[in-house]
Amino acid sequence: MEPADSIRRLGFARWYERRLIEGHAWFISGFVCIAAIAACMEELSFKGSFLRLLLYMIVVAAAAAIGMYGLVRYQKILVEAEQIGEHATCRGCGAYARFSLISASDVRCRKCRHEWRLIQPAQAD
């Protein structure tokens, strides 16, 4: 879902809070996966059965994939929230998060009616 749709539906402060919670949930998931990898590697023994070795290797591979995905999502969510959060203060009166969306990227302050761009266009890499 586009940030503008969510901000319009929830309001900026709630949207920002939810994005931070979601980002940190991904971080915790990534951290738990790293702990699972460490536990499996510690328990891993080449002296046991092949089936047990295969099971541990599958768990390690799955935890590594989920952990990397989680940490990448964490970073992307926090970067997005921070970029939008940097533009949430009205330059006219200094009010933070007191605006209404007038388009998918532009907002209007509720106090002084100043308009500015909240969501910057995606930059080409």
PDB file of N, CA and C in Angstrom:
ATOM      1  N   MET A   1       0.835  -1.171   0.000  1.00  0.00           N
ATOM      2  CA  MET A   1       0.000   0.000   0.000  1.00  0.00           C
ATOM      3  C   MET A   1       0.884   1.241   0.000  1.00  0.00           C
ATOM      4  N   GLU A   2       0.503   2.202  -0.784  1.00  0.00           N
ATOM      5  CA  GLU A   2       1.242   3.450  -0.872  1.00  0.00           C
ATOM      6  C   GLU A   2       1.199   4.189   0.464  1.00  0.00           C
ATOM      7  N   PRO A   3       2.264   4.901   0.803  1.00  0.00           N
ATOM      8  CA  PRO A   3       2.245   5.647   2.056  1.00  0.00           C
ATOM      9  C   PRO A   3       1.107   6.666   2.117  1.00  0.00           C
ATOM     10  N   ALA A   4       0.800   7.314   0.992  1.00  0.00           N
ATOM     11  CA  ALA A   4      -0.251   8.336   0.997  1.00  0.00           C
ATOM     12  C   ALA A   4      -1.600   7.743   1.386  1.00  0.00           C
ATOM     13  N   ASP A   5      -1.917   6.563   0.875  1.00  0.00           N
ATOM     14  CA  ASP A   5      -3.190   5.918   1.220  1.00  0.00           C
ATOM     15  C   ASP A   5      -3.271   5.628   2.705  1.00  0.00           C
ATOM     16  N   SER A   6      -2.206   5.099   3.257  1.00  0.00           N
ATOM     17  CA  SER A   6      -2.177   4.776   4.683  1.00  0.00           C
ATOM     18  C   SER A   6      -2.215   6.028   5.543  1.00  0.00           C
ATOM     19  N   ILE A   7      -1.482   7.058   5.129  1.00  0.00           N
ATOM     20  CA  ILE A   7      -1.476   8.309   5.893  1.00  0.00           C
ATOM     21  C   ILE A   7      -2.856   8.948   5.862  1.00  0.00           C
ATOM     22  N   ARG A   8      -3.501   8.904   4.718  1.00  0.00           N
ATOM     23  CA  ARG A   8      -4.845   9.469   4.604  1.00  0.00           C
ATOM     24  C   ARG A   8      -5.819   8.722   5.510  1.00  0.00           C
ATOM     25  N   ARG A   9      -5.699   7.405   5.553  1.00  0.00           N
ATOM     26  CA  ARG A   9      -6.621   6.576   6.331  1.00  0.00           C
ATOM     27  C   ARG A   9      -6.346   6.665   7.836  1.00  0.00           C
ATOM     28  N   LEU A  10      -5.067   6.637   8.230  1.00  0.00           N
ATOM     29  CA  LEU A  10      -4.703   6.570   9.645  1.00  0.00           C
ATOM     30  C   LEU A  10      -4.315   7.913  10.263  1.00  0.00           C
ATOM     31  N   GLY A  11      -3.849   8.822   9.446  1.00  0.00           N
ATOM     32  CA  GLY A  11      -3.224  10.035   9.957  1.00  0.00           C
ATOM     33  C   GLY A  11      -1.728   9.789  10.061  1.00  0.00           C
ATOM     34  N   PHE A  12      -0.956  10.864   9.983  1.00  0.00           N
ATOM     35  CA  PHE A  12       0.496  10.695   9.929  1.00  0.00           C
ATOM     36  C   PHE A  12       1.066  10.058  11.184  1.00  0.00           C
ATOM     37  N   ALA A  13       0.664  10.549  12.355  1.00  0.00           N
ATOM     38  CA  ALA A  13       1.267  10.056  13.607  1.00  0.00           C
ATOM     39  C   ALA A  13       1.042   8.557  13.772  1.00  0.00           C
ATOM     40  N   ARG A  14      -0.169   8.093  13.499  1.00  0.00           N
ATOM     41  CA  ARG A  14      -0.443   6.647  13.609  1.00  0.00           C
ATOM     42  C   ARG A  14       0.310   5.856  12.553  1.00  0.00           C
ATOM     43  N   TRP A  15       0.352   6.393  11.327  1.00  0.00           N
ATOM     44  CA  TRP A  15       1.068   5.715  10.253  1.00  0.00           C
ATOM     45  C   TRP A  15       2.538   5.560  10.637  1.00  0.00           C
ATOM     46  N   TYR A  16       3.137   6.646  11.110  1.00  0.00           N
ATOM     47  CA  TYR A  16       4.554   6.636  11.478  1.00  0.00           C
ATOM     48  C   TYR A  16       4.806   5.624  12.595  1.00  0.00           C
ATOM     49  N   GLU A  17       3.941   5.634  13.600  1.00  0.00           N
ATOM     50  CA  GLU A  17       4.083   4.696  14.717  1.00  0.00           C
ATOM     51  C   GLU A  17       3.973   3.252  14.233  1.00  0.00           C
ATOM     52  N   ARG A  18       3.013   2.977  13.390  1.00  0.00           N
ATOM     53  CA  ARG A  18       2.841   1.607  12.875  1.00  0.00           C
ATOM     54  C   ARG A  18       4.007   1.168  12.014  1.00  0.00           C
ATOM     55  N   ARG A  19       4.553   2.086  11.225  1.00  0.00           N
ATOM     56  CA  ARG A  19       5.717   1.728  10.405  1.00  0.00           C
ATOM     57  C   ARG A  19       6.923   1.392  11.292  1.00  0.00           C
ATOM     58  N   LEU A  20       7.108   2.164  12.362  1.00  0.00           N
ATOM     59  CA  LEU A  20       8.216   1.869  13.282  1.00  0.00           C
ATOM     60  C   LEU A  20       8.005   0.531  13.975  1.00  0.00           C
ATOM     61  N   ILE A  21       6.779   0.243  14.389  1.00  0.00           N
ATOM     62  CA  ILE A  21       6.490  -1.040  15.032  1.00  0.00           C
ATOM     63  C   ILE A  21       6.725  -2.182  14.052  1.00  0.00           C
ATOM     64  N   GLU A  22       6.233  -2.020  12.818  1.00  0.00           N
ATOM     65  CA  GLU A  22       6.431  -3.076  11.812  1.00  0.00           C
ATOM     66  C   GLU A  22       7.914  -3.281  11.520  1.00  0.00           C
ATOM     67  N   GLY A  23       8.655  -2.191  11.380  1.00  0.00           N
ATOM     68  CA  GLY A  23      10.089  -2.299  11.125  1.00  0.00           C
ATOM     69  C   GLY A  23      10.817  -3.012  12.245  1.00  0.00           C
ATOM     70  N   HIS A  24      10.498  -2.672  13.474  1.00  0.00           N
ATOM     71  CA  HIS A  24      11.170  -3.319  14.598  1.00  0.00           C
ATOM     72  C   HIS A  24      10.727  -4.770  14.775  1.00  0.00           C
ATOM     73  N   ALA A  25       9.511  -5.093  14.370  1.00  0.00           N
ATOM     74  CA  ALA A  25       9.090  -6.507  14.378  1.00  0.00           C
ATOM     75  C   ALA A  25       9.939  -7.312  13.388  1.00  0.00           C
ATOM     76  N   TRP A  26      10.228  -6.716  12.231  1.00  0.00           N
ATOM     77  CA  TRP A  26      11.109  -7.395  11.269  1.00  0.00           C
ATOM     78  C   TRP A  26      12.520  -7.528  11.838  1.00  0.00           C
ATOM     79  N   PHE A  27      12.987  -6.510  12.550  1.00  0.00           N
ATOM     80  CA  PHE A  27      14.315  -6.582  13.161  1.00  0.00           C
ATOM     81  C   PHE A  27      14.380  -7.714  14.182  1.00  0.00           C
ATOM     82  N   ILE A  28      13.366  -7.814  15.011  1.00  0.00           N
ATOM     83  CA  ILE A  28      13.333  -8.880  16.020  1.00  0.00           C
ATOM     84  C   ILE A  28      13.290 -10.246  15.338  1.00  0.00           C
ATOM     85  N   SER A  29      12.520 -10.355  14.258  1.00  0.00           N
ATOM     86  CA  SER A  29      12.466 -11.622  13.510  1.00  0.00           C
ATOM     87  C   SER A  29      13.850 -11.984  12.971  1.00  0.00           C
ATOM     88  N   GLY A  30      14.541 -11.003  12.421  1.00  0.00           N
ATOM     89  CA  GLY A  30      15.885 -11.251  11.917  1.00  0.00           C
ATOM     90  C   GLY A  30      16.840 -11.657  13.021  1.00  0.00           C
ATOM     91  N   PHE A  31      16.731 -11.013  14.178  1.00  0.00           N
ATOM     92  CA  PHE A  31      17.587 -11.336  15.312  1.00  0.00           C
ATOM     93  C   PHE A  31      17.304 -12.749  15.827  1.00  0.00           C
ATOM     94  N   VAL A  32      16.027 -13.142  15.892  1.00  0.00           N
ATOM     95  CA  VAL A  32      15.662 -14.494  16.327  1.00  0.00           C
ATOM     96  C   VAL A  32      16.211 -15.527  15.347  1.00  0.00           C
ATOM     97  N   CYS A  33      16.169 -15.213  14.068  1.00  0.00           N
ATOM     98  CA  CYS A  33      16.719 -16.132  13.070  1.00  0.00           C
ATOM     99  C   CYS A  33      18.225 -16.288  13.235  1.00  0.00           C
ATOM    100  N   ILE A  34      18.917 -15.202  13.544  1.00  0.00           N
ATOM    101  CA  ILE A  34      20.363 -15.288  13.782  1.00  0.00           C
ATOM    102  C   ILE A  34      20.638 -16.168  15.002  1.00  0.00           C
ATOM    103  N   ALA A  35      19.829 -16.024  16.046  1.00  0.00           N
ATOM    104  CA  ALA A  35      19.983 -16.865  17.237  1.00  0.00           C
ATOM    105  C   ALA A  35      19.700 -18.328  16.903  1.00  0.00           C
ATOM    106  N   ALA A  36      18.689 -18.571  16.054  1.00  0.00           N
ATOM    107  CA  ALA A  36      18.371 -19.947  15.649  1.00  0.00           C
ATOM    108  C   ALA A  36      19.523 -20.559  14.850  1.00  0.00           C
ATOM    109  N   ILE A  37      20.136 -19.758  14.005  1.00  0.00           N
ATOM    110  CA  ILE A  37      21.290 -20.245  13.227  1.00  0.00           C
ATOM    111  C   ILE A  37      22.427 -20.609  14.175  1.00  0.00           C
ATOM    112  N   ALA A  38      22.688 -19.751  15.144  1.00  0.00           N
ATOM    113  CA  ALA A  38      23.771 -20.036  16.099  1.00  0.00           C
ATOM    114  C   ALA A  38      23.475 -21.298  16.901  1.00  0.00           C
ATOM    115  N   ALA A  39      22.224 -21.466  17.326  1.00  0.00           N
ATOM    116  CA  ALA A  39      21.857 -22.662  18.095  1.00  0.00           C
ATOM    117  C   ALA A  39      21.988 -23.923  17.247  1.00  0.00           C
ATOM    118  N   CYS A  40      21.556 -23.862  16.016  1.00  0.00           N
ATOM    119  CA  CYS A  40      21.653 -25.038  15.143  1.00  0.00           C
ATOM    120  C   CYS A  40      23.106 -25.365  14.808  1.00  0.00           C
ATOM    121  N   MET A  41      23.904 -24.342  14.582  1.00  0.00           N
ATOM    122  CA  MET A  41      25.312 -24.593  14.270  1.00  0.00           C
ATOM    123  C   MET A  41      26.047 -25.192  15.468  1.00  0.00           C
ATOM    124  N   GLU A  42      25.654 -24.768  16.674  1.00  0.00           N
ATOM    125  CA  GLU A  42      26.265 -25.330  17.874  1.00  0.00           C
ATOM    126  C   GLU A  42      25.864 -26.793  18.048  1.00  0.00           C
ATOM    127  N   GLU A  43      24.627 -27.095  17.735  1.00  0.00           N
ATOM    128  CA  GLU A  43      24.106 -28.457  17.894  1.00  0.00           C
ATOM    129  C   GLU A  43      24.530 -29.371  16.744  1.00  0.00           C
ATOM    130  N   LEU A  44      24.928 -28.764  15.642  1.00  0.00           N
ATOM    131  CA  LEU A  44      25.281 -29.522  14.443  1.00  0.00           C
ATOM    132  C   LEU A  44      26.481 -30.415  14.704  1.00  0.00           C
ATOM    133  N   SER A  45      26.310 -31.662  14.343  1.00  0.00           N
ATOM    134  CA  SER A  45      27.383 -32.627  14.511  1.00  0.00           C
ATOM    135  C   SER A  45      27.395 -33.541  13.298  1.00  0.00           C
ATOM    136  N   PHE A  46      28.561 -33.777  12.769  1.00  0.00           N
ATOM    137  CA  PHE A  46      28.670 -34.652  11.607  1.00  0.00           C
ATOM    138  C   PHE A  46      28.738 -36.120  12.010  1.00  0.00           C
ATOM    139  N   LYS A  47      28.652 -36.401  13.294  1.00  0.00           N
ATOM    140  CA  LYS A  47      28.715 -37.777  13.780  1.00  0.00           C
ATOM    141  C   LYS A  47      27.345 -38.428  13.827  1.00  0.00           C
ATOM    142  N   GLY A  48      26.263 -37.615  13.813  1.00  0.00           N
ATOM    143  CA  GLY A  48      24.909 -38.161  13.901  1.00  0.00           C
ATOM    144  C   GLY A  48      24.434 -38.700  12.559  1.00  0.00           C
ATOM    145  N   SER A  49      23.152 -38.949  12.468  1.00  0.00           N
ATOM    146  CA  SER A  49      22.575 -39.483  11.231  1.00  0.00           C
ATOM    147  C   SER A  49      22.543 -38.410  10.153  1.00  0.00           C
ATOM    148  N   PHE A  50      22.484 -38.864   8.925  1.00  0.00           N
ATOM    149  CA  PHE A  50      22.434 -37.964   7.782  1.00  0.00           C
ATOM    150  C   PHE A  50      21.127 -37.158   7.788  1.00  0.00           C
ATOM    151  N   LEU A  51      20.042 -37.800   8.206  1.00  0.00           N
ATOM    152  CA  LEU A  51      18.743 -37.124   8.245  1.00  0.00           C
ATOM    153  C   LEU A  51      18.758 -35.945   9.226  1.00  0.00           C
ATOM    154  N   ARG A  52      19.385 -36.139  10.365  1.00  0.00           N
ATOM    155  CA  ARG A  52      19.486 -35.070  11.358  1.00  0.00           C
ATOM    156  C   ARG A  52      20.355 -33.934  10.825  1.00  0.00           C
ATOM    157  N   LEU A  53      21.460 -34.254  10.187  1.00  0.00           N
ATOM    158  CA  LEU A  53      22.318 -33.245   9.576  1.00  0.00           C
ATOM    159  C   LEU A  53      21.554 -32.456   8.514  1.00  0.00           C
ATOM    160  N   LEU A  54      20.801 -33.168   7.686  1.00  0.00           N
ATOM    161  CA  LEU A  54      20.010 -32.527   6.637  1.00  0.00           C
ATOM    162  C   LEU A  54      18.950 -31.600   7.243  1.00  0.00           C
ATOM    163  N   LEU A  55      18.297 -32.037   8.303  1.00  0.00           N
ATOM    164  CA  LEU A  55      17.284 -31.218   8.961  1.00  0.00           C
ATOM    165  C   LEU A  55      17.899 -29.931   9.513  1.00  0.00           C
ATOM    166  N   TYR A  56      19.037 -30.030  10.187  1.00  0.00           N
ATOM    167  CA  TYR A  56      19.698 -28.843  10.718  1.00  0.00           C
ATOM    168  C   TYR A  56      20.129 -27.900   9.603  1.00  0.00           C
ATOM    169  N   MET A  57      20.612 -28.443   8.516  1.00  0.00           N
ATOM    170  CA  MET A  57      21.033 -27.604   7.393  1.00  0.00           C
ATOM    171  C   MET A  57      19.834 -26.885   6.758  1.00  0.00           C
ATOM    172  N   ILE A  58      18.699 -27.568   6.683  1.00  0.00           N
ATOM    173  CA  ILE A  58      17.488 -26.927   6.151  1.00  0.00           C
ATOM    174  C   ILE A  58      17.031 -25.809   7.080  1.00  0.00           C
ATOM    175  N   VAL A  59      17.057 -26.062   8.378  1.00  0.00           N
ATOM    176  CA  VAL A  59      16.663 -25.028   9.350  1.00  0.00           C
ATOM    177  C   VAL A  59      17.607 -23.832   9.266  1.00  0.00           C
ATOM    178  N   VAL A  60      18.901 -24.085   9.148  1.00  0.00           N
ATOM    179  CA  VAL A  60      19.887 -22.999   9.044  1.00  0.00           C
ATOM    180  C   VAL A  60      19.651 -22.196   7.764  1.00  0.00           C
ATOM    181  N   ALA A  61      19.430 -22.868   6.646  1.00  0.00           N
ATOM    182  CA  ALA A  61      19.197 -22.168   5.376  1.00  0.00           C
ATOM    183  C   ALA A  61      17.914 -21.340   5.434  1.00  0.00           C
ATOM    184  N   ALA A  62      16.843 -21.918   5.989  1.00  0.00           N
ATOM    185  CA  ALA A  62      15.581 -21.193   6.095  1.00  0.00           C
ATOM    186  C   ALA A  62      15.722 -19.992   7.032  1.00  0.00           C
ATOM    187  N   ALA A  63      16.371 -20.179   8.156  1.00  0.00           N
ATOM    188  CA  ALA A  63      16.569 -19.077   9.103  1.00  0.00           C
ATOM    189  C   ALA A  63      17.440 -17.988   8.492  1.00  0.00           C
ATOM    190  N   ALA A  64      18.441 -18.371   7.712  1.00  0.00           N
ATOM    191  CA  ALA A  64      19.296 -17.377   7.061  1.00  0.00           C
ATOM    192  C   ALA A  64      18.495 -16.569   6.042  1.00  0.00           C
ATOM    193  N   ALA A  65      17.671 -17.234   5.248  1.00  0.00           N
ATOM    194  CA  ALA A  65      16.863 -16.528   4.247  1.00  0.00           C
ATOM    195  C   ALA A  65      15.853 -15.591   4.911  1.00  0.00           C
ATOM    196  N   ILE A  66      15.152 -16.087   5.905  1.00  0.00           N
ATOM    197  CA  ILE A  66      14.161 -15.264   6.607  1.00  0.00           C
ATOM    198  C   ILE A  66      14.845 -14.126   7.359  1.00  0.00           C
ATOM    199  N   GLY A  67      15.967 -14.415   7.981  1.00  0.00           N
ATOM    200  CA  GLY A  67      16.705 -13.385   8.715  1.00  0.00           C
ATOM    201  C   GLY A  67      17.203 -12.273   7.813  1.00  0.00           C
ATOM    202  N   MET A  68      17.765 -12.622   6.661  1.00  0.00           N
ATOM    203  CA  MET A  68      18.227 -11.598   5.729  1.00  0.00           C
ATOM    204  C   MET A  68      17.060 -10.776   5.198  1.00  0.00           C
ATOM    205  N   TYR A  69      15.962 -11.450   4.851  1.00  0.00           N
ATOM    206  CA  TYR A  69      14.781 -10.738   4.367  1.00  0.00           C
ATOM    207  C   TYR A  69      14.261  -9.789   5.447  1.00  0.00           C
ATOM    208  N   GLY A  70      14.215 -10.256   6.670  1.00  0.00           N
ATOM    209  CA  GLY A  70      13.735  -9.439   7.776  1.00  0.00           C
ATOM    210  C   GLY A  70      14.582  -8.207   8.006  1.00  0.00           C
ATOM    211  N   LEU A  71      15.891  -8.354   7.949  1.00  0.00           N
ATOM    212  CA  LEU A  71      16.779  -7.212   8.175  1.00  0.00           C
ATOM    213  C   LEU A  71      16.721  -6.218   7.008  1.00  0.00           C
ATOM    214  N   VAL A  72      16.551  -6.722   5.791  1.00  0.00           N
ATOM    215  CA  VAL A  72      16.386  -5.830   4.637  1.00  0.00           C
ATOM    216  C   VAL A  72      15.070  -5.059   4.745  1.00  0.00           C
ATOM    217  N   ARG A  73      13.989  -5.760   5.119  1.00  0.00           N
ATOM    218  CA  ARG A  73      12.690  -5.088   5.309  1.00  0.00           C
ATOM    219  C   ARG A  73      12.783  -4.044   6.407  1.00  0.00           C
ATOM    220  N   TYR A  74      13.448  -4.366   7.496  1.00  0.00           N
ATOM    221  CA  TYR A  74      13.644  -3.429   8.608  1.00  0.00           C
ATOM    222  C   TYR A  74      14.292  -2.144   8.105  1.00  0.00           C
ATOM    223  N   GLN A  75      15.338  -2.291   7.353  1.00  0.00           N
ATOM    224  CA  GLN A  75      16.060  -1.130   6.860  1.00  0.00           C
ATOM    225  C   GLN A  75      15.199  -0.313   5.905  1.00  0.00           C
ATOM    226  N   LYS A  76      14.491  -0.973   4.981  1.00  0.00           N
ATOM    227  CA  LYS A  76      13.665  -0.253   4.008  1.00  0.00           C
ATOM    228  C   LYS A  76      12.511   0.482   4.683  1.00  0.00           C
ATOM    229  N   ILE A  77      11.871  -0.156   5.650  1.00  0.00           N
ATOM    230  CA  ILE A  77      10.745   0.474   6.343  1.00  0.00           C
ATOM    231  C   ILE A  77      11.227   1.683   7.129  1.00  0.00           C
ATOM    232  N   LEU A  78      12.346   1.553   7.833  1.00  0.00           N
ATOM    233  CA  LEU A  78      12.850   2.679   8.612  1.00  0.00           C
ATOM    234  C   LEU A  78      13.303   3.825   7.733  1.00  0.00           C
ATOM    235  N   VAL A  79      13.930   3.534   6.611  1.00  0.00           N
ATOM    236  CA  VAL A  79      14.356   4.591   5.692  1.00  0.00           C
ATOM    237  C   VAL A  79      13.132   5.333   5.153  1.00  0.00           C
ATOM    238  N   GLU A  80      12.106   4.595   4.751  1.00  0.00           N
ATOM    239  CA  GLU A  80      10.889   5.231   4.234  1.00  0.00           C
ATOM    240  C   GLU A  80      10.233   6.110   5.300  1.00  0.00           C
ATOM    241  N   ALA A  81      10.077   5.579   6.500  1.00  0.00           N
ATOM    242  CA  ALA A  81       9.445   6.345   7.574  1.00  0.00           C
ATOM    243  C   ALA A  81      10.268   7.582   7.919  1.00  0.00           C
ATOM    244  N   GLU A  82      11.569   7.457   7.937  1.00  0.00           N
ATOM    245  CA  GLU A  82      12.417   8.596   8.278  1.00  0.00           C
ATOM    246  C   GLU A  82      12.404   9.651   7.184  1.00  0.00           C
ATOM    247  N   GLN A  83      12.420   9.241   5.924  1.00  0.00           N
ATOM    248  CA  GLN A  83      12.380  10.208   4.825  1.00  0.00           C
ATOM    249  C   GLN A  83      11.082  11.006   4.844  1.00  0.00           C
ATOM    250  N   ILE A  84       9.971  10.323   5.074  1.00  0.00           N
ATOM    251  CA  ILE A  84       8.687  11.025   5.120  1.00  0.00           C
ATOM    252  C   ILE A  84       8.587  11.838   6.416  1.00  0.00           C
ATOM    253  N   GLY A  85       9.079  11.281   7.507  1.00  0.00           N
ATOM    254  CA  GLY A  85       9.037  11.986   8.783  1.00  0.00           C
ATOM    255  C   GLY A  85       9.833  13.281   8.785  1.00  0.00           C
ATOM    256  N   GLU A  86      10.894  13.341   8.001  1.00  0.00           N
ATOM    257  CA  GLU A  86      11.702  14.564   7.904  1.00  0.00           C
ATOM    258  C   GLU A  86      10.916  15.720   7.309  1.00  0.00           C
ATOM    259  N   HIS A  87       9.884  15.416   6.523  1.00  0.00           N
ATOM    260  CA  HIS A  87       9.099  16.448   5.847  1.00  0.00           C
ATOM    261  C   HIS A  87       7.751  16.680   6.523  1.00  0.00           C
ATOM    262  N   ALA A  88       7.562  16.175   7.729  1.00  0.00           N
ATOM    263  CA  ALA A  88       6.261  16.264   8.400  1.00  0.00           C
ATOM    264  C   ALA A  88       6.082  17.536   9.214  1.00  0.00           C
ATOM    265  N   THR A  89       7.064  18.403   9.222  1.00  0.00           N
ATOM    266  CA  THR A  89       6.968  19.658   9.967  1.00  0.00           C
ATOM    267  C   THR A  89       6.670  20.804   9.004  1.00  0.00           C
ATOM    268  N   CYS A  90       5.661  21.580   9.342  1.00  0.00           N
ATOM    269  CA  CYS A  90       5.270  22.724   8.520  1.00  0.00           C
ATOM    270  C   CYS A  90       6.354  23.796   8.597  1.00  0.00           C
ATOM    271  N   ARG A  91       6.775  24.291   7.443  1.00  0.00           N
ATOM    272  CA  ARG A  91       7.792  25.349   7.428  1.00  0.00           C
ATOM    273  C   ARG A  91       7.180  26.709   7.762  1.00  0.00           C
ATOM    274  N   GLY A  92       5.862  26.797   7.646  1.00  0.00           N
ATOM    275  CA  GLY A  92       5.196  28.064   7.931  1.00  0.00           C
ATOM    276  C   GLY A  92       5.048  28.341   9.411  1.00  0.00           C
ATOM    277  N   CYS A  93       4.623  27.331  10.176  1.00  0.00           N
ATOM    278  CA  CYS A  93       4.350  27.567  11.608  1.00  0.00           C
ATOM    279  C   CYS A  93       5.091  26.601  12.530  1.00  0.00           C
ATOM    280  N   GLY A  94       5.751  25.585  11.983  1.00  0.00           N
ATOM    281  CA  GLY A  94       6.525  24.651  12.799  1.00  0.00           C
ATOM    282  C   GLY A  94       5.706  23.528  13.412  1.00  0.00           C
ATOM    283  N   ALA A  95       4.441  23.390  13.034  1.00  0.00           N
ATOM    284  CA  ALA A  95       3.600  22.312  13.577  1.00  0.00           C
ATOM    285  C   ALA A  95       4.052  20.973  12.995  1.00  0.00           C
ATOM    286  N   TYR A  96       4.157  19.977  13.859  1.00  0.00           N
ATOM    287  CA  TYR A  96       4.584  18.643  13.425  1.00  0.00           C
ATOM    288  C   TYR A  96       3.374  17.728  13.288  1.00  0.00           C
ATOM    289  N   ALA A  97       3.249  17.085  12.150  1.00  0.00           N
ATOM    290  CA  ALA A  97       2.223  16.065  11.880  1.00  0.00           C
ATOM    291  C   ALA A  97       0.807  16.625  11.982  1.00  0.00           C
ATOM    292  N   ARG A  98       0.615  17.900  11.696  1.00  0.00           N
ATOM    293  CA  ARG A  98      -0.706  18.527  11.733  1.00  0.00           C
ATOM    294  C   ARG A  98      -1.050  18.985  10.317  1.00  0.00           C
ATOM    295  N   PHE A  99      -1.308  18.025   9.463  1.00  0.00           N
ATOM    296  CA  PHE A  99      -1.607  18.349   8.071  1.00  0.00           C
ATOM    297  C   PHE A  99      -2.652  17.389   7.526  1.00  0.00           C
ATOM    298  N   SER A 100      -3.208  17.756   6.378  1.00  0.00           N
ATOM    299  CA  SER A 100      -4.099  16.854   5.650  1.00  0.00           C
ATOM    300  C   SER A 100      -3.576  16.728   4.226  1.00  0.00           C
ATOM    301  N   LEU A 101      -3.727  15.554   3.673  1.00  0.00           N
ATOM    302  CA  LEU A 101      -3.250  15.305   2.322  1.00  0.00           C
ATOM    303  C   LEU A 101      -4.182  15.972   1.323  1.00  0.00           C
ATOM    304  N   ILE A 102      -3.597  16.660   0.354  1.00  0.00           N
ATOM    305  CA  ILE A 102      -4.393  17.264  -0.708  1.00  0.00           C
ATOM    306  C   ILE A 102      -4.165  16.540  -2.030  1.00  0.00           C
ATOM    307  N   SER A 103      -3.114  15.739  -2.105  1.00  0.00           N
ATOM    308  CA  SER A 103      -2.852  14.858  -3.251  1.00  0.00           C
ATOM    309  C   SER A 103      -2.025  13.689  -2.736  1.00  0.00           C
ATOM    310  N   ALA A 104      -1.561  12.847  -3.630  1.00  0.00           N
ATOM    311  CA  ALA A 104      -0.792  11.674  -3.213  1.00  0.00           C
ATOM    312  C   ALA A 104       0.558  12.046  -2.611  1.00  0.00           C
ATOM    313  N   SER A 105       1.041  13.264  -2.861  1.00  0.00           N
ATOM    314  CA  SER A 105       2.344  13.640  -2.329  1.00  0.00           C
ATOM    315  C   SER A 105       2.360  14.993  -1.618  1.00  0.00           C
ATOM    316  N   ASP A 106       1.313  15.789  -1.777  1.00  0.00           N
ATOM    317  CA  ASP A 106       1.288  17.134  -1.201  1.00  0.00           C
ATOM    318  C   ASP A 106       0.340  17.205  -0.010  1.00  0.00           C
ATOM    319  N   VAL A 107       0.681  18.074   0.957  1.00  0.00           N
ATOM    320  CA  VAL A 107      -0.121  18.231   2.162  1.00  0.00           C
ATOM    321  C   VAL A 107      -0.372  19.712   2.440  1.00  0.00           C
ATOM    322  N   ARG A 108      -1.361  19.971   3.306  1.00  0.00           N
ATOM    323  CA  ARG A 108      -1.682  21.327   3.732  1.00  0.00           C
ATOM    324  C   ARG A 108      -1.753  21.350   5.255  1.00  0.00           C
ATOM    325  N   CYS A 109      -1.054  22.312   5.854  1.00  0.00           N
ATOM    326  CA  CYS A 109      -1.044  22.453   7.303  1.00  0.00           C
ATOM    327  C   CYS A 109      -2.444  22.813   7.793  1.00  0.00           C
ATOM    328  N   ARG A 110      -2.866  22.208   8.895  1.00  0.00           N
ATOM    329  CA  ARG A 110      -4.177  22.505   9.466  1.00  0.00           C
ATOM    330  C   ARG A 110      -4.185  23.821  10.236  1.00  0.00           C
ATOM    331  N   LYS A 111      -3.012  24.297  10.664  1.00  0.00           N
ATOM    332  CA  LYS A 111      -2.950  25.533  11.441  1.00  0.00           C
ATOM    333  C   LYS A 111      -2.841  26.763  10.544  1.00  0.00           C
ATOM    334  N   CYS A 112      -1.863  26.774   9.643  1.00  0.00           N
ATOM    335  CA  CYS A 112      -1.605  27.984   8.860  1.00  0.00           C
ATOM    336  C   CYS A 112      -1.936  27.844   7.373  1.00  0.00           C
ATOM    337  N   ARG A 113      -2.395  26.668   6.943  1.00  0.00           N
ATOM    338  CA  ARG A 113      -2.790  26.403   5.550  1.00  0.00           C
ATOM    339  C   ARG A 113      -1.616  26.405   4.563  1.00  0.00           C
ATOM    340  N   HIS A 114      -0.392  26.344   5.068  1.00  0.00           N
ATOM    341  CA  HIS A 114       0.797  26.270   4.205  1.00  0.00           C
ATOM    342  C   HIS A 114       0.802  24.912   3.504  1.00  0.00           C
ATOM    343  N   GLU A 115       1.191  24.879   2.224  1.00  0.00           N
ATOM    344  CA  GLU A 115       1.250  23.634   1.453  1.00  0.00           C
ATOM    345  C   GLU A 115       2.699  23.284   1.138  1.00  0.00           C
ATOM    346  N   TRP A 116       2.997  21.982   1.177  1.00  0.00           N
ATOM    347  CA  TRP A 116       4.326  21.493   0.822  1.00  0.00           C
ATOM    348  C   TRP A 116       4.242  20.041   0.383  1.00  0.00           C
ATOM    349  N   ARG A 117       5.344  19.571  -0.144  1.00  0.00           N
ATOM    350  CA  ARG A 117       5.433  18.194  -0.620  1.00  0.00           C
ATOM    351  C   ARG A 117       5.946  17.319   0.510  1.00  0.00           C
ATOM    352  N   LEU A 118       5.116  16.337   0.911  1.00  0.00           N
ATOM    353  CA  LEU A 118       5.493  15.415   1.993  1.00  0.00           C
ATOM    354  C   LEU A 118       6.256  14.225   1.441  1.00  0.00           C
ATOM    355  N   ILE A 119       5.767  13.647   0.378  1.00  0.00           N
ATOM    356  CA  ILE A 119       6.361  12.430  -0.190  1.00  0.00           C
ATOM    357  C   ILE A 119       7.110  12.814  -1.447  1.00  0.00           C
ATOM    358  N   GLN A 120       8.412  12.681  -1.388  1.00  0.00           N
ATOM    359  CA  GLN A 120       9.262  13.034  -2.513  1.00  0.00           C
ATOM    360  C   GLN A 120       9.174  11.974  -3.605  1.00  0.00           C
ATOM    361  N   PRO A 121       9.256  12.346  -4.870  1.00  0.00           N
ATOM    362  CA  PRO A 121       9.233  11.348  -5.939  1.00  0.00           C
ATOM    363  C   PRO A 121      10.415  10.401  -5.826  1.00  0.00           C
ATOM    364  N   ALA A 122      10.207   9.163  -6.255  1.00  0.00           N
ATOM    365  CA  ALA A 122      11.277   8.154  -6.194  1.00  0.00           C
ATOM    366  C   ALA A 122      12.432   8.595  -7.078  1.00  0.00           C
ATOM    367  N   GLN A 123      13.628   8.439  -6.559  1.00  0.00           N
ATOM    368  CA  GLN A 123      14.812   8.841  -7.285  1.00  0.00           C
ATOM    369  C   GLN A 123      15.297   7.674  -8.146  1.00  0.00           C
ATOM    370  N   ALA A 124      15.655   7.971  -9.377  1.00  0.00           N
ATOM    371  CA  ALA A 124      16.168   6.934 -10.274  1.00  0.00           C
ATOM    372  C   ALA A 124      17.590   6.598  -9.859  1.00  0.00           C
ATOM    373  N   ASP A 125      17.876   5.308  -9.782  1.00  0.00           N
ATOM    374  CA  ASP A 125      19.233   4.869  -9.377  1.00  0.00           C
ATOM    375  C   ASP A 125      20.164   4.798 -10.552  1.00  0.00           C
TER     376      ASP A 125
END
